[in-house]
Amino acid sequence: MDDDELVSAVAGGDDGALRELFSRHAPWMAARLRAVLPAPDVEDVLQETFVAVWRGAAGYRLGGAGGWLWGIARRQAALWLRRRGRTDLLLPALLAAGEGQPVDPTEAALLRAELADAVEALGPEGSPQRETWRLMYVEDRPVAEVAELMGVPEGTVKSRAYQIRRLMRAALRRHDSMPEGDRR
């Protein structure tokens, strides 16, 4: 069976298919998670990931099971860090986890500088856009929770998220178009 068939089988309640998905994907996922999580937590995050796979398999759209699984693992890692009060590790962890290869320290520093510049485009710390960005994209909180925390309607959060993505894309494009010597 290919991965798509396995996920479909998991959606139908086949725990053997879940075990097969785990055996195929857990090793590479664990290696990537070890780069961003304390070693003792990797196993727990993997377990939470595959529980989420079991629960969410019915919503899977065919094609790209590996990416779908990794997306779940990244969210579980973010939740794990947030629950343990380690929000200081969230952004670097998610940046590093999104890469397919080990992160070069120089490249990581440049990425952090580029991201810091893009975040500055959102306004001062504590501003509505900056706070929305922190809650949604750093702490990985759902729209409904962000709306409740900020005391605004969900539509307002969605509008801010759209604007945040536009501002950050523009800031990152400006950074990419700069001559190499002008960058941080």
Protein backbone atom coordinates (compact mmCIF):
# COMPACT_ATOMS: atom_id res chain seq x y z
CA MET A 1 0.00 0.00 0.00
CA ASP A 2 1.14 3.53 -0.67
CA ASP A 3 0.86 6.27 1.95
CA ASP A 4 -2.44 7.62 0.60
CA GLU A 5 -4.02 4.18 0.84
CA LEU A 6 -2.67 3.78 4.36
CA VAL A 7 -4.17 7.08 5.49
CA SER A 8 -7.50 6.08 3.93
CA ALA A 9 -7.30 2.78 5.81
CA VAL A 10 -6.53 4.64 9.05
CA ALA A 11 -9.62 6.78 8.42
CA GLY A 12 -11.58 3.52 8.22
CA GLY A 13 -10.28 2.44 11.63
CA ASP A 14 -7.41 0.16 10.53
CA ASP A 15 -4.84 0.36 13.34
CA GLY A 16 -2.44 -1.85 11.34
CA ALA A 17 -2.30 0.88 8.71
CA LEU A 18 -1.46 3.38 11.45
CA ARG A 19 1.38 1.14 12.64
CA GLU A 20 2.67 0.94 9.06
CA LEU A 21 2.55 4.72 8.65
CA PHE A 22 4.39 5.05 11.94
CA SER A 23 7.13 2.62 10.90
CA ARG A 24 7.59 4.42 7.56
CA HIS A 25 7.57 7.98 8.81
CA ALA A 26 8.50 8.08 12.51
CA PRO A 27 12.28 7.67 11.94
CA TRP A 28 12.69 10.72 9.68
CA MET A 29 10.20 12.74 11.71
CA ALA A 30 12.08 11.94 14.92
CA ALA A 31 15.35 13.04 13.33
CA ARG A 32 13.85 16.38 12.33
CA LEU A 33 12.16 16.86 15.70
CA ARG A 34 15.43 16.14 17.55
CA ALA A 35 16.87 19.25 15.93
CA VAL A 36 14.28 21.44 17.64
CA LEU A 37 13.03 19.65 20.75
CA PRO A 38 14.71 18.40 23.89
CA ALA A 39 15.54 14.72 23.24
CA PRO A 40 13.22 13.30 25.92
CA ASP A 41 10.24 15.08 24.34
CA VAL A 42 10.62 13.74 20.80
CA GLU A 43 8.98 10.39 21.55
CA ASP A 44 6.03 12.09 23.27
CA VAL A 45 5.53 14.51 20.38
CA LEU A 46 5.64 11.60 17.91
CA GLN A 47 3.01 9.78 19.93
CA GLU A 48 0.80 12.90 19.99
CA THR A 49 1.37 13.28 16.25
CA PHE A 50 0.12 9.81 15.43
CA VAL A 51 -2.84 10.15 17.79
CA ALA A 52 -3.72 13.28 15.80
CA VAL A 53 -3.25 11.32 12.56
CA TRP A 54 -5.67 8.68 13.85
CA ARG A 55 -8.22 11.32 14.75
CA GLY A 56 -7.78 13.44 11.63
CA ALA A 57 -7.29 10.85 8.91
CA ALA A 58 -10.84 11.28 7.63
CA GLY A 59 -10.04 14.89 6.70
CA TYR A 60 -6.93 14.00 4.68
CA ARG A 61 -6.90 15.05 1.00
CA LEU A 62 -5.07 12.59 -1.26
CA GLY A 63 -1.53 13.40 -2.33
CA GLY A 64 1.42 14.35 -0.13
CA ALA A 65 0.97 12.21 2.97
CA GLY A 66 4.51 12.95 4.13
CA GLY A 67 3.89 16.70 4.08
CA TRP A 68 0.54 16.23 5.81
CA LEU A 69 2.16 14.13 8.53
CA TRP A 70 4.99 16.62 8.98
CA GLY A 71 2.49 19.48 9.28
CA ILE A 72 0.80 17.61 12.11
CA ALA A 73 4.15 16.92 13.78
CA ARG A 74 5.12 20.61 13.61
CA ARG A 75 1.84 21.67 15.19
CA GLN A 76 2.22 19.03 17.90
CA ALA A 77 5.78 20.22 18.61
CA ALA A 78 4.53 23.81 18.90
CA LEU A 79 1.73 22.75 21.24
CA TRP A 80 4.17 20.68 23.31
CA LEU A 81 6.56 23.61 23.72
CA ARG A 82 3.73 26.03 24.50
CA ARG A 83 2.24 23.74 27.16
CA ARG A 84 5.63 23.57 28.85
CA GLY A 85 6.07 27.33 28.81
CA ARG A 86 8.88 27.19 26.27
CA THR A 87 7.53 29.80 23.86
CA ASP A 88 11.09 31.16 23.58
CA LEU A 89 11.92 28.01 21.59
CA LEU A 90 8.83 28.03 19.37
CA LEU A 91 9.89 30.31 16.53
CA PRO A 92 13.45 28.99 16.15
CA ALA A 93 12.10 25.45 16.43
CA LEU A 94 9.47 25.93 13.77
CA LEU A 95 11.91 27.67 11.43
CA ALA A 96 14.44 24.89 11.81
CA ALA A 97 11.83 22.15 11.62
CA GLY A 98 10.54 23.45 8.31
CA GLU A 99 13.86 22.78 6.66
CA GLY A 100 14.61 19.42 5.10
CA GLN A 101 18.29 19.52 6.03
CA PRO A 102 20.34 20.41 9.07
CA VAL A 103 20.42 24.16 9.64
CA ASP A 104 23.72 25.94 9.04
CA PRO A 105 24.30 28.34 11.97
CA THR A 106 25.15 31.24 9.64
CA GLU A 107 22.08 30.63 7.50
CA ALA A 108 19.93 30.34 10.62
CA ALA A 109 21.23 33.70 11.87
CA LEU A 110 20.42 35.31 8.52
CA LEU A 111 16.94 33.79 8.54
CA ARG A 112 16.34 35.12 12.05
CA ALA A 113 17.50 38.60 10.98
CA GLU A 114 15.24 38.53 7.91
CA LEU A 115 12.31 37.37 9.99
CA ALA A 116 12.99 40.01 12.64
CA ASP A 117 12.91 42.69 9.93
CA ALA A 118 9.63 41.29 8.59
CA VAL A 119 8.13 41.23 12.09
CA GLU A 120 9.14 44.88 12.57
CA ALA A 121 6.95 45.69 9.53
CA LEU A 122 3.94 44.64 11.64
CA GLY A 123 4.35 47.59 13.97
CA PRO A 124 5.48 47.99 17.56
CA GLU A 125 5.34 45.16 20.05
CA GLY A 126 1.90 44.95 21.61
CA SER A 127 0.14 46.37 18.54
CA PRO A 128 -2.91 44.43 17.33
CA GLN A 129 -1.13 43.05 14.27
CA ARG A 130 1.99 42.09 16.17
CA GLU A 131 -0.05 40.42 18.93
CA THR A 132 -2.17 38.56 16.37
CA TRP A 133 1.03 37.37 14.68
CA ARG A 134 2.50 36.18 17.97
CA LEU A 135 -0.61 34.27 19.00
CA MET A 136 -1.36 32.71 15.61
CA TYR A 137 2.05 32.07 14.10
CA VAL A 138 4.44 31.81 17.02
CA GLU A 139 2.17 30.15 19.59
CA ASP A 140 0.12 28.33 16.91
CA ARG A 141 -3.23 29.20 18.49
CA PRO A 142 -6.45 28.76 16.48
CA VAL A 143 -8.43 31.77 15.21
CA ALA A 144 -11.23 31.26 17.74
CA GLU A 145 -8.80 31.27 20.67
CA VAL A 146 -6.96 34.35 19.36
CA ALA A 147 -10.29 36.16 18.96
CA GLU A 148 -11.26 35.30 22.53
CA LEU A 149 -7.89 36.33 23.97
CA MET A 150 -7.90 39.63 22.09
CA GLY A 151 -11.58 40.35 22.66
CA VAL A 152 -12.38 40.78 18.95
CA PRO A 153 -14.55 38.87 16.46
CA GLU A 154 -13.01 35.95 14.55
CA GLY A 155 -13.44 37.89 11.30
CA THR A 156 -11.19 40.62 12.68
CA VAL A 157 -8.52 38.05 13.50
CA LYS A 158 -8.78 36.59 9.99
CA SER A 159 -8.49 40.07 8.43
CA ARG A 160 -5.44 40.84 10.55
CA ALA A 161 -3.88 37.50 9.64
CA TYR A 162 -4.37 38.28 5.94
CA GLN A 163 -2.79 41.71 6.38
CA ILE A 164 0.07 40.21 8.41
CA ARG A 165 0.87 37.73 5.64
CA ARG A 166 0.84 40.54 3.04
CA LEU A 167 3.10 42.78 5.12
CA MET A 168 5.58 40.02 5.92
CA ARG A 169 5.71 38.80 2.29
CA ALA A 170 6.43 42.37 1.14
CA ALA A 171 9.14 42.81 3.80
CA LEU A 172 10.77 39.51 2.89
CA ARG A 173 10.65 40.36 -0.83
CA ARG A 174 12.34 43.70 -0.13
CA HIS A 175 15.01 41.86 1.85
CA ASP A 176 15.57 39.34 -0.99
CA SER A 177 15.95 42.14 -3.54
CA MET A 178 18.63 43.95 -1.49
CA PRO A 179 22.23 43.66 -2.66
CA GLU A 180 24.12 41.09 -0.58
CA GLY A 181 26.32 43.73 1.12
CA ASP A 182 23.31 45.77 2.33
CA ARG A 183 21.78 42.89 4.27
CA ARG A 184 22.43 42.51 8.01
